[in-house]
Amino acid sequence: TYGAFGVIGASLFGFGVLIAVERGQGWLEAKRTTPMPIAAYFTGK
C-alpha cells in the first residue's frame, strides 16, 4: 500500500506540477516549435 502511495506521488507530481510549471514558463510552447516529436517530451517524463 505504501508502494502504491509512493508511486502515485511520483507520477502525479512528476507530471502534474512539472508540466503546469513548464507550460507557465512557455517551455512546452518552445518545445513545440522544434523538430523534436512532442511524444518524446511526454516519454521522458
Full PDB file with SEQRES, HELIX, SHEET, SSBOND, CRYST1, ORIGX, SCALE, CONECT and MASTER records, all heavy atoms in Angstrom:
SEQRES   1 A   45  THR TYR GLY ALA PHE GLY VAL ILE GLY ALA SER LEU PHE          
SEQRES   2 A   45  GLY PHE GLY VAL LEU ILE ALA VAL GLU ARG GLY GLN GLY          
SEQRES   3 A   45  TRP LEU GLU ALA LYS ARG THR THR PRO MET PRO ILE ALA          
SEQRES   4 A   45  ALA TYR PHE THR GLY LYS                                      
HELIX    1 AA1 TYR A    2  GLN A   25  1                                  24    
HELIX    2 AA2 TRP A   27  ARG A   32  1                                   6    
HELIX    3 AA3 ILE A   38  GLY A   44  1                                   7    
CRYST1    1.000    1.000    1.000  90.00  90.00  90.00 P 1           1          
ORIGX1      1.000000  0.000000  0.000000        0.00000                         
ORIGX2      0.000000  1.000000  0.000000        0.00000                         
ORIGX3      0.000000  0.000000  1.000000        0.00000                         
SCALE1      1.000000  0.000000  0.000000        0.00000                         
SCALE2      0.000000  1.000000  0.000000        0.00000                         
SCALE3      0.000000  0.000000  1.000000        0.00000                         
ATOM      1  N   THR A   1       0.815  -1.222   0.000  1.00  0.00           N  
ATOM      2  CA  THR A   1       0.000   0.000   0.000  1.00  0.00           C  
ATOM      3  C   THR A   1       0.847   1.270   0.000  1.00  0.00           C  
ATOM      4  O   THR A   1       0.532   2.233  -0.699  1.00  0.00           O  
ATOM      5  CB  THR A   1      -0.962   0.013   1.198  1.00  0.00           C  
ATOM      6  OG1 THR A   1      -0.227  -0.088   2.415  1.00  0.00           O  
ATOM      7  CG2 THR A   1      -1.954  -1.133   1.115  1.00  0.00           C  
ATOM      8  N   TYR A   2       1.943   1.283   0.761  1.00  0.00           N  
ATOM      9  CA  TYR A   2       2.811   2.459   0.728  1.00  0.00           C  
ATOM     10  C   TYR A   2       3.607   2.497  -0.574  1.00  0.00           C  
ATOM     11  O   TYR A   2       4.013   3.577  -1.026  1.00  0.00           O  
ATOM     12  CB  TYR A   2       3.743   2.498   1.933  1.00  0.00           C  
ATOM     13  CG  TYR A   2       3.040   2.917   3.206  1.00  0.00           C  
ATOM     14  CD1 TYR A   2       3.485   2.513   4.453  1.00  0.00           C  
ATOM     15  CD2 TYR A   2       1.904   3.720   3.153  1.00  0.00           C  
ATOM     16  CE1 TYR A   2       2.829   2.890   5.612  1.00  0.00           C  
ATOM     17  CE2 TYR A   2       1.244   4.100   4.307  1.00  0.00           C  
ATOM     18  CZ  TYR A   2       1.710   3.681   5.530  1.00  0.00           C  
ATOM     19  OH  TYR A   2       1.046   4.061   6.675  1.00  0.00           O  
ATOM     20  N   GLY A   3       3.834   1.326  -1.167  1.00  0.00           N  
ATOM     21  CA  GLY A   3       4.429   1.307  -2.502  1.00  0.00           C  
ATOM     22  C   GLY A   3       3.514   1.993  -3.506  1.00  0.00           C  
ATOM     23  O   GLY A   3       3.948   2.825  -4.311  1.00  0.00           O  
ATOM     24  N   ALA A   4       2.220   1.663  -3.435  1.00  0.00           N  
ATOM     25  CA  ALA A   4       1.236   2.318  -4.308  1.00  0.00           C  
ATOM     26  C   ALA A   4       1.184   3.815  -4.013  1.00  0.00           C  
ATOM     27  O   ALA A   4       1.139   4.647  -4.936  1.00  0.00           O  
ATOM     28  CB  ALA A   4      -0.137   1.688  -4.108  1.00  0.00           C  
ATOM     29  N   PHE A   5       1.211   4.168  -2.734  1.00  0.00           N  
ATOM     30  CA  PHE A   5       1.178   5.572  -2.326  1.00  0.00           C  
ATOM     31  C   PHE A   5       2.367   6.340  -2.908  1.00  0.00           C  
ATOM     32  O   PHE A   5       2.215   7.440  -3.465  1.00  0.00           O  
ATOM     33  CB  PHE A   5       1.183   5.639  -0.797  1.00  0.00           C  
ATOM     34  CG  PHE A   5       1.267   7.022  -0.214  1.00  0.00           C  
ATOM     35  CD1 PHE A   5       0.241   7.932  -0.393  1.00  0.00           C  
ATOM     36  CD2 PHE A   5       2.384   7.403   0.515  1.00  0.00           C  
ATOM     37  CE1 PHE A   5       0.315   9.213   0.153  1.00  0.00           C  
ATOM     38  CE2 PHE A   5       2.468   8.675   1.071  1.00  0.00           C  
ATOM     39  CZ  PHE A   5       1.428   9.579   0.879  1.00  0.00           C  
ATOM     40  N   GLY A   6       3.556   5.766  -2.798  1.00  0.00           N  
ATOM     41  CA  GLY A   6       4.755   6.425  -3.315  1.00  0.00           C  
ATOM     42  C   GLY A   6       4.745   6.550  -4.827  1.00  0.00           C  
ATOM     43  O   GLY A   6       5.130   7.588  -5.374  1.00  0.00           O  
ATOM     44  N   VAL A   7       4.305   5.509  -5.509  1.00  0.00           N  
ATOM     45  CA  VAL A   7       4.245   5.527  -6.973  1.00  0.00           C  
ATOM     46  C   VAL A   7       3.266   6.592  -7.456  1.00  0.00           C  
ATOM     47  O   VAL A   7       3.546   7.331  -8.411  1.00  0.00           O  
ATOM     48  CB  VAL A   7       3.845   4.138  -7.503  1.00  0.00           C  
ATOM     49  CG1 VAL A   7       3.446   4.200  -8.980  1.00  0.00           C  
ATOM     50  CG2 VAL A   7       4.989   3.152  -7.315  1.00  0.00           C  
ATOM     51  N   ILE A   8       2.123   6.688  -6.804  1.00  0.00           N  
ATOM     52  CA  ILE A   8       1.128   7.701  -7.196  1.00  0.00           C  
ATOM     53  C   ILE A   8       1.711   9.099  -7.028  1.00  0.00           C  
ATOM     54  O   ILE A   8       1.548   9.963  -7.895  1.00  0.00           O  
ATOM     55  CB  ILE A   8      -0.163   7.545  -6.372  1.00  0.00           C  
ATOM     56  CG1 ILE A   8      -0.847   6.228  -6.708  1.00  0.00           C  
ATOM     57  CG2 ILE A   8      -1.120   8.704  -6.650  1.00  0.00           C  
ATOM     58  CD1 ILE A   8      -1.975   5.858  -5.760  1.00  0.00           C  
ATOM     59  N   GLY A   9       2.422   9.341  -5.926  1.00  0.00           N  
ATOM     60  CA  GLY A   9       3.027  10.647  -5.699  1.00  0.00           C  
ATOM     61  C   GLY A   9       4.058  10.989  -6.757  1.00  0.00           C  
ATOM     62  O   GLY A   9       4.070  12.102  -7.304  1.00  0.00           O  
ATOM     63  N   ALA A  10       4.948  10.036  -7.058  1.00  0.00           N  
ATOM     64  CA  ALA A  10       5.984  10.270  -8.066  1.00  0.00           C  
ATOM     65  C   ALA A  10       5.368  10.568  -9.428  1.00  0.00           C  
ATOM     66  O   ALA A  10       5.845  11.437 -10.169  1.00  0.00           O  
ATOM     67  CB  ALA A  10       6.902   9.059  -8.159  1.00  0.00           C  
ATOM     68  N   SER A  11       4.297   9.868  -9.763  1.00  0.00           N  
ATOM     69  CA  SER A  11       3.664  10.028 -11.069  1.00  0.00           C  
ATOM     70  C   SER A  11       2.848  11.309 -11.152  1.00  0.00           C  
ATOM     71  O   SER A  11       2.951  12.076 -12.115  1.00  0.00           O  
ATOM     72  CB  SER A  11       2.754   8.822 -11.348  1.00  0.00           C  
ATOM     73  OG  SER A  11       3.457   7.613 -11.223  1.00  0.00           O  
ATOM     74  N   LEU A  12       2.038  11.542 -10.123  1.00  0.00           N  
ATOM     75  CA  LEU A  12       1.140  12.695 -10.140  1.00  0.00           C  
ATOM     76  C   LEU A  12       1.920  14.004 -10.114  1.00  0.00           C  
ATOM     77  O   LEU A  12       1.651  14.917 -10.902  1.00  0.00           O  
ATOM     78  CB  LEU A  12       0.196  12.609  -8.939  1.00  0.00           C  
ATOM     79  CG  LEU A  12      -0.942  13.632  -8.855  1.00  0.00           C  
ATOM     80  CD1 LEU A  12      -1.813  13.586 -10.088  1.00  0.00           C  
ATOM     81  CD2 LEU A  12      -1.780  13.371  -7.609  1.00  0.00           C  
ATOM     82  N   PHE A  13       2.917  14.096  -9.231  1.00  0.00           N  
ATOM     83  CA  PHE A  13       3.680  15.338  -9.144  1.00  0.00           C  
ATOM     84  C   PHE A  13       4.680  15.470 -10.291  1.00  0.00           C  
ATOM     85  O   PHE A  13       4.944  16.574 -10.765  1.00  0.00           O  
ATOM     86  CB  PHE A  13       4.398  15.420  -7.796  1.00  0.00           C  
ATOM     87  CG  PHE A  13       3.476  15.747  -6.668  1.00  0.00           C  
ATOM     88  CD1 PHE A  13       2.860  14.744  -5.938  1.00  0.00           C  
ATOM     89  CD2 PHE A  13       3.187  17.066  -6.348  1.00  0.00           C  
ATOM     90  CE1 PHE A  13       1.992  15.044  -4.904  1.00  0.00           C  
ATOM     91  CE2 PHE A  13       2.318  17.377  -5.316  1.00  0.00           C  
ATOM     92  CZ  PHE A  13       1.707  16.367  -4.592  1.00  0.00           C  
ATOM     93  N   GLY A  14       5.234  14.342 -10.744  1.00  0.00           N  
ATOM     94  CA  GLY A  14       6.174  14.388 -11.863  1.00  0.00           C  
ATOM     95  C   GLY A  14       5.540  14.912 -13.132  1.00  0.00           C  
ATOM     96  O   GLY A  14       6.192  15.577 -13.945  1.00  0.00           O  
ATOM     97  N   PHE A  15       4.278  14.626 -13.329  1.00  0.00           N  
ATOM     98  CA  PHE A  15       3.559  15.147 -14.478  1.00  0.00           C  
ATOM     99  C   PHE A  15       2.784  16.410 -14.130  1.00  0.00           C  
ATOM    100  O   PHE A  15       2.933  17.443 -14.771  1.00  0.00           O  
ATOM    101  CB  PHE A  15       2.590  14.084 -15.028  1.00  0.00           C  
ATOM    102  CG  PHE A  15       3.181  13.235 -16.100  1.00  0.00           C  
ATOM    103  CD1 PHE A  15       4.039  12.194 -15.782  1.00  0.00           C  
ATOM    104  CD2 PHE A  15       2.881  13.452 -17.430  1.00  0.00           C  
ATOM    105  CE1 PHE A  15       4.591  11.404 -16.772  1.00  0.00           C  
ATOM    106  CE2 PHE A  15       3.423  12.669 -18.432  1.00  0.00           C  
ATOM    107  CZ  PHE A  15       4.287  11.639 -18.101  1.00  0.00           C  
ATOM    108  N   GLY A  16       1.946  16.318 -13.105  1.00  0.00           N  
ATOM    109  CA  GLY A  16       1.017  17.405 -12.813  1.00  0.00           C  
ATOM    110  C   GLY A  16       1.697  18.734 -12.551  1.00  0.00           C  
ATOM    111  O   GLY A  16       1.412  19.734 -13.215  1.00  0.00           O  
ATOM    112  N   VAL A  17       2.628  18.756 -11.609  1.00  0.00           N  
ATOM    113  CA  VAL A  17       3.257  20.023 -11.217  1.00  0.00           C  
ATOM    114  C   VAL A  17       4.275  20.470 -12.262  1.00  0.00           C  
ATOM    115  O   VAL A  17       4.271  21.633 -12.689  1.00  0.00           O  
ATOM    116  CB  VAL A  17       3.927  19.887  -9.835  1.00  0.00           C  
ATOM    117  CG1 VAL A  17       4.650  21.183  -9.471  1.00  0.00           C  
ATOM    118  CG2 VAL A  17       2.879  19.551  -8.779  1.00  0.00           C  
ATOM    119  N   LEU A  18       5.144  19.552 -12.692  1.00  0.00           N  
ATOM    120  CA  LEU A  18       6.214  19.952 -13.607  1.00  0.00           C  
ATOM    121  C   LEU A  18       5.672  20.418 -14.950  1.00  0.00           C  
ATOM    122  O   LEU A  18       6.171  21.391 -15.525  1.00  0.00           O  
ATOM    123  CB  LEU A  18       7.202  18.797 -13.790  1.00  0.00           C  
ATOM    124  CG  LEU A  18       7.955  18.367 -12.524  1.00  0.00           C  
ATOM    125  CD1 LEU A  18       8.954  17.274 -12.838  1.00  0.00           C  
ATOM    126  CD2 LEU A  18       8.671  19.562 -11.897  1.00  0.00           C  
ATOM    127  N   ILE A  19       4.653  19.751 -15.466  1.00  0.00           N  
ATOM    128  CA  ILE A  19       4.089  20.184 -16.751  1.00  0.00           C  
ATOM    129  C   ILE A  19       3.390  21.525 -16.600  1.00  0.00           C  
ATOM    130  O   ILE A  19       3.503  22.409 -17.472  1.00  0.00           O  
ATOM    131  CB  ILE A  19       3.133  19.110 -17.310  1.00  0.00           C  
ATOM    132  CG1 ILE A  19       3.946  17.938 -17.855  1.00  0.00           C  
ATOM    133  CG2 ILE A  19       2.230  19.684 -18.403  1.00  0.00           C  
ATOM    134  CD1 ILE A  19       3.130  16.822 -18.448  1.00  0.00           C  
ATOM    135  N   ALA A  20       2.669  21.719 -15.514  1.00  0.00           N  
ATOM    136  CA  ALA A  20       1.994  23.008 -15.292  1.00  0.00           C  
ATOM    137  C   ALA A  20       3.016  24.140 -15.214  1.00  0.00           C  
ATOM    138  O   ALA A  20       2.810  25.221 -15.779  1.00  0.00           O  
ATOM    139  CB  ALA A  20       1.157  22.946 -14.023  1.00  0.00           C  
ATOM    140  N   VAL A  21       4.120  23.899 -14.510  1.00  0.00           N  
ATOM    141  CA  VAL A  21       5.161  24.924 -14.392  1.00  0.00           C  
ATOM    142  C   VAL A  21       5.788  25.208 -15.750  1.00  0.00           C  
ATOM    143  O   VAL A  21       5.989  26.379 -16.124  1.00  0.00           O  
ATOM    144  CB  VAL A  21       6.242  24.472 -13.382  1.00  0.00           C  
ATOM    145  CG1 VAL A  21       7.458  25.393 -13.440  1.00  0.00           C  
ATOM    146  CG2 VAL A  21       5.666  24.453 -11.973  1.00  0.00           C  
ATOM    147  N   GLU A  22       6.088  24.169 -16.509  1.00  0.00           N  
ATOM    148  CA  GLU A  22       6.714  24.362 -17.813  1.00  0.00           C  
ATOM    149  C   GLU A  22       5.770  25.009 -18.816  1.00  0.00           C  
ATOM    150  O   GLU A  22       6.210  25.765 -19.688  1.00  0.00           O  
ATOM    151  CB  GLU A  22       7.256  23.025 -18.326  1.00  0.00           C  
ATOM    152  CG  GLU A  22       8.459  22.563 -17.519  1.00  0.00           C  
ATOM    153  CD  GLU A  22       8.929  21.162 -17.862  1.00  0.00           C  
ATOM    154  OE1 GLU A  22       8.365  20.551 -18.796  1.00  0.00           O  
ATOM    155  OE2 GLU A  22       9.883  20.691 -17.200  1.00  0.00           O  
ATOM    156  N   ARG A  23       4.486  24.736 -18.687  1.00  0.00           N  
ATOM    157  CA  ARG A  23       3.509  25.448 -19.522  1.00  0.00           C  
ATOM    158  C   ARG A  23       3.520  26.930 -19.175  1.00  0.00           C  
ATOM    159  O   ARG A  23       3.488  27.791 -20.053  1.00  0.00           O  
ATOM    160  CB  ARG A  23       2.096  24.888 -19.303  1.00  0.00           C  
ATOM    161  CG  ARG A  23       1.802  23.589 -20.022  1.00  0.00           C  
ATOM    162  CD  ARG A  23       0.416  23.066 -19.696  1.00  0.00           C  
ATOM    163  NE  ARG A  23      -0.615  24.069 -19.923  1.00  0.00           N  
ATOM    164  CZ  ARG A  23      -1.400  24.572 -18.961  1.00  0.00           C  
ATOM    165  NH1 ARG A  23      -1.267  24.157 -17.700  1.00  0.00           N  
ATOM    166  NH2 ARG A  23      -2.309  25.463 -19.245  1.00  0.00           N  
ATOM    167  N   GLY A  24       3.549  27.227 -17.876  1.00  0.00           N  
ATOM    168  CA  GLY A  24       3.554  28.616 -17.438  1.00  0.00           C  
ATOM    169  C   GLY A  24       4.805  29.363 -17.861  1.00  0.00           C  
ATOM    170  O   GLY A  24       4.756  30.565 -18.144  1.00  0.00           O  
ATOM    171  N   GLN A  25       5.944  28.663 -17.930  1.00  0.00           N  
ATOM    172  CA  GLN A  25       7.202  29.286 -18.340  1.00  0.00           C  
ATOM    173  C   GLN A  25       7.315  29.441 -19.855  1.00  0.00           C  
ATOM    174  O   GLN A  25       8.238  30.102 -20.340  1.00  0.00           O  
ATOM    175  CB  GLN A  25       8.379  28.436 -17.840  1.00  0.00           C  
ATOM    176  CG  GLN A  25       8.534  28.416 -16.319  1.00  0.00           C  
ATOM    177  CD  GLN A  25       9.573  27.414 -15.876  1.00  0.00           C  
ATOM    178  OE1 GLN A  25       9.869  26.428 -16.581  1.00  0.00           O  
ATOM    179  NE2 GLN A  25      10.134  27.627 -14.691  1.00  0.00           N  
ATOM    180  N   GLY A  26       6.400  28.797 -20.594  1.00  0.00           N  
ATOM    181  CA  GLY A  26       6.500  28.835 -22.049  1.00  0.00           C  
ATOM    182  C   GLY A  26       7.427  27.781 -22.615  1.00  0.00           C  
ATOM    183  O   GLY A  26       7.683  27.738 -23.819  1.00  0.00           O  
ATOM    184  N   TRP A  27       7.929  26.888 -21.729  1.00  0.00           N  
ATOM    185  CA  TRP A  27       8.882  25.872 -22.178  1.00  0.00           C  
ATOM    186  C   TRP A  27       8.226  24.845 -23.100  1.00  0.00           C  
ATOM    187  O   TRP A  27       8.811  24.435 -24.097  1.00  0.00           O  
ATOM    188  CB  TRP A  27       9.496  25.191 -20.966  1.00  0.00           C  
ATOM    189  CG  TRP A  27      10.535  24.151 -21.284  1.00  0.00           C  
ATOM    190  CD1 TRP A  27      10.522  22.853 -20.891  1.00  0.00           C  
ATOM    191  CD2 TRP A  27      11.734  24.328 -22.047  1.00  0.00           C  
ATOM    192  NE1 TRP A  27      11.635  22.203 -21.360  1.00  0.00           N  
ATOM    193  CE2 TRP A  27      12.390  23.084 -22.078  1.00  0.00           C  
ATOM    194  CE3 TRP A  27      12.303  25.404 -22.720  1.00  0.00           C  
ATOM    195  CZ2 TRP A  27      13.601  22.894 -22.751  1.00  0.00           C  
ATOM    196  CZ3 TRP A  27      13.512  25.217 -23.390  1.00  0.00           C  
ATOM    197  CH2 TRP A  27      14.146  23.977 -23.393  1.00  0.00           C  
ATOM    198  N   LEU A  28       7.010  24.458 -22.770  1.00  0.00           N  
ATOM    199  CA  LEU A  28       6.318  23.492 -23.620  1.00  0.00           C  
ATOM    200  C   LEU A  28       6.019  24.102 -24.989  1.00  0.00           C  
ATOM    201  O   LEU A  28       6.119  23.431 -26.021  1.00  0.00           O  
ATOM    202  CB  LEU A  28       5.021  23.028 -22.951  1.00  0.00           C  
ATOM    203  CG  LEU A  28       4.242  21.913 -23.646  1.00  0.00           C  
ATOM    204  CD1 LEU A  28       5.138  20.719 -23.931  1.00  0.00           C  
ATOM    205  CD2 LEU A  28       3.055  21.485 -22.801  1.00  0.00           C  
ATOM    206  N   GLU A  29       5.685  25.371 -25.007  1.00  0.00           N  
ATOM    207  CA  GLU A  29       5.451  26.063 -26.277  1.00  0.00           C  
ATOM    208  C   GLU A  29       6.736  26.089 -27.107  1.00  0.00           C  
ATOM    209  O   GLU A  29       6.701  25.886 -28.324  1.00  0.00           O  
ATOM    210  CB  GLU A  29       4.972  27.483 -25.994  1.00  0.00           C  
ATOM    211  CG  GLU A  29       4.602  28.276 -27.239  1.00  0.00           C  
ATOM    212  CD  GLU A  29       4.053  29.642 -26.896  1.00  0.00           C  
ATOM    213  OE1 GLU A  29       3.726  29.886 -25.717  1.00  0.00           O  
ATOM    214  OE2 GLU A  29       3.964  30.475 -27.815  1.00  0.00           O  
ATOM    215  N   ALA A  30       7.873  26.335 -26.448  1.00  0.00           N  
ATOM    216  CA  ALA A  30       9.156  26.330 -27.156  1.00  0.00           C  
ATOM    217  C   ALA A  30       9.456  24.941 -27.712  1.00  0.00           C  
ATOM    218  O   ALA A  30       9.966  24.805 -28.834  1.00  0.00           O  
ATOM    219  CB  ALA A  30      10.273  26.786 -26.220  1.00  0.00           C  
ATOM    220  N   LYS A  31       9.141  23.922 -26.947  1.00  0.00           N  
ATOM    221  CA  LYS A  31       9.382  22.549 -27.403  1.00  0.00           C  
ATOM    222  C   LYS A  31       8.591  22.250 -28.678  1.00  0.00           C  
ATOM    223  O   LYS A  31       9.057  21.542 -29.573  1.00  0.00           O  
ATOM    224  CB  LYS A  31       8.966  21.555 -26.314  1.00  0.00           C  
ATOM    225  CG  LYS A  31       9.883  21.502 -25.111  1.00  0.00           C  
ATOM    226  CD  LYS A  31      10.987  20.502 -25.325  1.00  0.00           C  
ATOM    227  CE  LYS A  31      11.738  20.224 -24.043  1.00  0.00           C  
ATOM    228  NZ  LYS A  31      12.816  19.238 -24.240  1.00  0.00           N  
ATOM    229  N   ARG A  32       7.386  22.788 -28.757  1.00  0.00           N  
ATOM    230  CA  ARG A  32       6.537  22.514 -29.916  1.00  0.00           C  
ATOM    231  C   ARG A  32       7.080  23.129 -31.201  1.00  0.00           C  
ATOM    232  O   ARG A  32       6.700  22.721 -32.286  1.00  0.00           O  
ATOM    233  CB  ARG A  32       5.129  23.049 -29.652  1.00  0.00           C  
ATOM    234  CG  ARG A  32       4.332  22.244 -28.641  1.00  0.00           C  
ATOM    235  CD  ARG A  32       3.029  22.921 -28.308  1.00  0.00           C  
ATOM    236  NE  ARG A  32       2.160  22.088 -27.495  1.00  0.00           N  
ATOM    237  CZ  ARG A  32       1.013  22.497 -26.971  1.00  0.00           C  
ATOM    238  NH1 ARG A  32       0.597  23.729 -27.173  1.00  0.00           N  
ATOM    239  NH2 ARG A  32       0.280  21.685 -26.240  1.00  0.00           N  
ATOM    240  N   THR A  33       7.940  24.127 -31.067  1.00  0.00           N  
ATOM    241  CA  THR A  33       8.490  24.776 -32.263  1.00  0.00           C  
ATOM    242  C   THR A  33       9.699  24.041 -32.815  1.00  0.00           C  
ATOM    243  O   THR A  33      10.206  24.398 -33.879  1.00  0.00           O  
ATOM    244  CB  THR A  33       8.894  26.233 -31.946  1.00  0.00           C  
ATOM    245  OG1 THR A  33       9.985  26.229 -31.014  1.00  0.00           O  
ATOM    246  CG2 THR A  33       7.717  27.018 -31.389  1.00  0.00           C  
ATOM    247  N   THR A  34      10.199  23.036 -32.090  1.00  0.00           N  
ATOM    248  CA  THR A  34      11.384  22.295 -32.527  1.00  0.00           C  
ATOM    249  C   THR A  34      10.972  21.058 -33.319  1.00  0.00           C  
ATOM    250  O   THR A  34       9.819  20.631 -33.272  1.00  0.00           O  
ATOM    251  CB  THR A  34      12.215  21.860 -31.311  1.00  0.00           C  
ATOM    252  OG1 THR A  34      11.505  20.831 -30.609  1.00  0.00           O  
ATOM    253  CG2 THR A  34      12.478  23.030 -30.374  1.00  0.00           C  
ATOM    254  N   PRO A  35      11.922  20.458 -34.054  1.00  0.00           N  
ATOM    255  CA  PRO A  35      11.610  19.223 -34.803  1.00  0.00           C  
ATOM    256  C   PRO A  35      11.376  18.006 -33.904  1.00  0.00           C  
ATOM    257  O   PRO A  35      10.956  16.958 -34.379  1.00  0.00           O  
ATOM    258  CB  PRO A  35      12.853  19.018 -35.679  1.00  0.00           C  
ATOM    259  CG  PRO A  35      13.587  20.313 -35.656  1.00  0.00           C  
ATOM    260  CD  PRO A  35      13.258  20.968 -34.356  1.00  0.00           C  
ATOM    261  N   MET A  36      11.701  18.137 -32.601  1.00  0.00           N  
ATOM    262  CA  MET A  36      11.525  17.011 -31.692  1.00  0.00           C  
ATOM    263  C   MET A  36      10.059  16.571 -31.652  1.00  0.00           C  
ATOM    264  O   MET A  36       9.170  17.412 -31.519  1.00  0.00           O  
ATOM    265  CB  MET A  36      11.956  17.419 -30.282  1.00  0.00           C  
ATOM    266  CG  MET A  36      11.817  16.311 -29.250  1.00  0.00           C  
ATOM    267  SD  MET A  36      11.731  16.948 -27.560  1.00  0.00           S  
ATOM    268  CE  MET A  36      10.053  17.561 -27.513  1.00  0.00           C  
ATOM    269  N   PRO A  37       9.796  15.271 -31.789  1.00  0.00           N  
ATOM    270  CA  PRO A  37       8.404  14.804 -31.674  1.00  0.00           C  
ATOM    271  C   PRO A  37       7.878  15.083 -30.274  1.00  0.00           C  
ATOM    272  O   PRO A  37       8.572  14.827 -29.278  1.00  0.00           O  
ATOM    273  CB  PRO A  37       8.502  13.302 -31.947  1.00  0.00           C  
ATOM    274  CG  PRO A  37       9.934  12.948 -31.714  1.00  0.00           C  
ATOM    275  CD  PRO A  37      10.735  14.167 -32.033  1.00  0.00           C  
ATOM    276  N   ILE A  38       6.674  15.631 -30.176  1.00  0.00           N  
ATOM    277  CA  ILE A  38       6.134  16.004 -28.876  1.00  0.00           C  
ATOM    278  C   ILE A  38       5.989  14.787 -27.972  1.00  0.00           C  
ATOM    279  O   ILE A  38       6.059  14.895 -26.741  1.00  0.00           O  
ATOM    280  CB  ILE A  38       4.778  16.736 -29.042  1.00  0.00           C  
ATOM    281  CG1 ILE A  38       4.362  17.405 -27.728  1.00  0.00           C  
ATOM    282  CG2 ILE A  38       3.706  15.787 -29.542  1.00  0.00           C  
ATOM    283  CD1 ILE A  38       5.290  18.479 -27.248  1.00  0.00           C  
ATOM    284  N   ALA A  39       5.826  13.598 -28.574  1.00  0.00           N  
ATOM    285  CA  ALA A  39       5.710  12.384 -27.764  1.00  0.00           C  
ATOM    286  C   ALA A  39       6.981  12.127 -26.966  1.00  0.00           C  
ATOM    287  O   ALA A  39       6.932  11.528 -25.885  1.00  0.00           O  
ATOM    288  CB  ALA A  39       5.404  11.182 -28.652  1.00  0.00           C  
ATOM    289  N   ALA A  40       8.139  12.592 -27.469  1.00  0.00           N  
ATOM    290  CA  ALA A  40       9.397  12.395 -26.747  1.00  0.00           C  
ATOM    291  C   ALA A  40       9.388  13.151 -25.425  1.00  0.00           C  
ATOM    292  O   ALA A  40       9.949  12.694 -24.423  1.00  0.00           O  
ATOM    293  CB  ALA A  40      10.573  12.846 -27.612  1.00  0.00           C  
ATOM    294  N   TYR A  41       8.755  14.304 -25.416  1.00  0.00           N  
ATOM    295  CA  TYR A  41       8.659  15.114 -24.198  1.00  0.00           C  
ATOM    296  C   TYR A  41       7.911  14.339 -23.116  1.00  0.00           C  
ATOM    297  O   TYR A  41       8.359  14.251 -21.965  1.00  0.00           O  
ATOM    298  CB  TYR A  41       7.934  16.418 -24.527  1.00  0.00           C  
ATOM    299  CG  TYR A  41       7.596  17.283 -23.339  1.00  0.00           C  
ATOM    300  CD1 TYR A  41       8.569  18.066 -22.726  1.00  0.00           C  
ATOM    301  CD2 TYR A  41       6.297  17.327 -22.840  1.00  0.00           C  
ATOM    302  CE1 TYR A  41       8.251  18.869 -21.635  1.00  0.00           C  
ATOM    303  CE2 TYR A  41       5.981  18.130 -21.750  1.00  0.00           C  
ATOM    304  CZ  TYR A  41       6.956  18.896 -21.155  1.00  0.00           C  
ATOM    305  OH  TYR A  41       6.636  19.685 -20.078  1.00  0.00           O  
ATOM    306  N   PHE A  42       6.777  13.758 -23.483  1.00  0.00           N  
ATOM    307  CA  PHE A  42       5.977  13.023 -22.504  1.00  0.00           C  
ATOM    308  C   PHE A  42       6.621  11.681 -22.150  1.00  0.00           C  
ATOM    309  O   PHE A  42       6.503  11.216 -21.018  1.00  0.00           O  
ATOM    310  CB  PHE A  42       4.565  12.819 -23.040  1.00  0.00           C  
ATOM    311  CG  PHE A  42       3.824  14.112 -23.268  1.00  0.00           C  
ATOM    312  CD1 PHE A  42       3.486  14.531 -24.535  1.00  0.00           C  
ATOM    313  CD2 PHE A  42       3.496  14.931 -22.203  1.00  0.00           C  
ATOM    314  CE1 PHE A  42       2.822  15.733 -24.749  1.00  0.00           C  
ATOM    315  CE2 PHE A  42       2.837  16.136 -22.391  1.00  0.00           C  
ATOM    316  CZ  PHE A  42       2.499  16.539 -23.666  1.00  0.00           C  
ATOM    317  N   THR A  43       7.323  11.076 -23.118  1.00  0.00           N  
ATOM    318  CA  THR A  43       8.025   9.819 -22.838  1.00  0.00           C  
ATOM    319  C   THR A  43       9.130  10.039 -21.814  1.00  0.00           C  
ATOM    320  O   THR A  43       9.351   9.208 -20.924  1.00  0.00           O  
ATOM    321  CB  THR A  43       8.615   9.232 -24.130  1.00  0.00           C  
ATOM    322  OG1 THR A  43       7.567   8.993 -25.066  1.00  0.00           O  
ATOM    323  CG2 THR A  43       9.352   7.932 -23.858  1.00  0.00           C  
ATOM    324  N   GLY A  44       9.828  11.159 -21.918  1.00  0.00           N  
ATOM    325  CA  GLY A  44      10.872  11.477 -20.951  1.00  0.00           C  
ATOM    326  C   GLY A  44      10.323  11.598 -19.542  1.00  0.00           C  
ATOM    327  O   GLY A  44      10.904  11.084 -18.584  1.00  0.00           O  
ATOM    328  N   LYS A  45       9.190  12.257 -19.412  1.00  0.00           N  
ATOM    329  CA  LYS A  45       8.569  12.410 -18.098  1.00  0.00           C  
ATOM    330  C   LYS A  45       8.057  11.064 -17.580  1.00  0.00           C  
ATOM    331  O   LYS A  45       8.138  10.783 -16.381  1.00  0.00           O  
ATOM    332  CB  LYS A  45       7.443  13.429 -18.170  1.00  0.00           C  
ATOM    333  CG  LYS A  45       7.961  14.875 -18.163  1.00  0.00           C  
ATOM    334  CD  LYS A  45       6.894  15.850 -17.843  1.00  0.00           C  
ATOM    335  CE  LYS A  45       7.434  17.209 -17.428  1.00  0.00           C  
ATOM    336  NZ  LYS A  45       8.721  17.606 -17.944  1.00  0.00           N  
TER     337      LYS A  45                                                      
MASTER        0    0    0    3    0    0    0    6  336    1    0    4          
END                                                                             
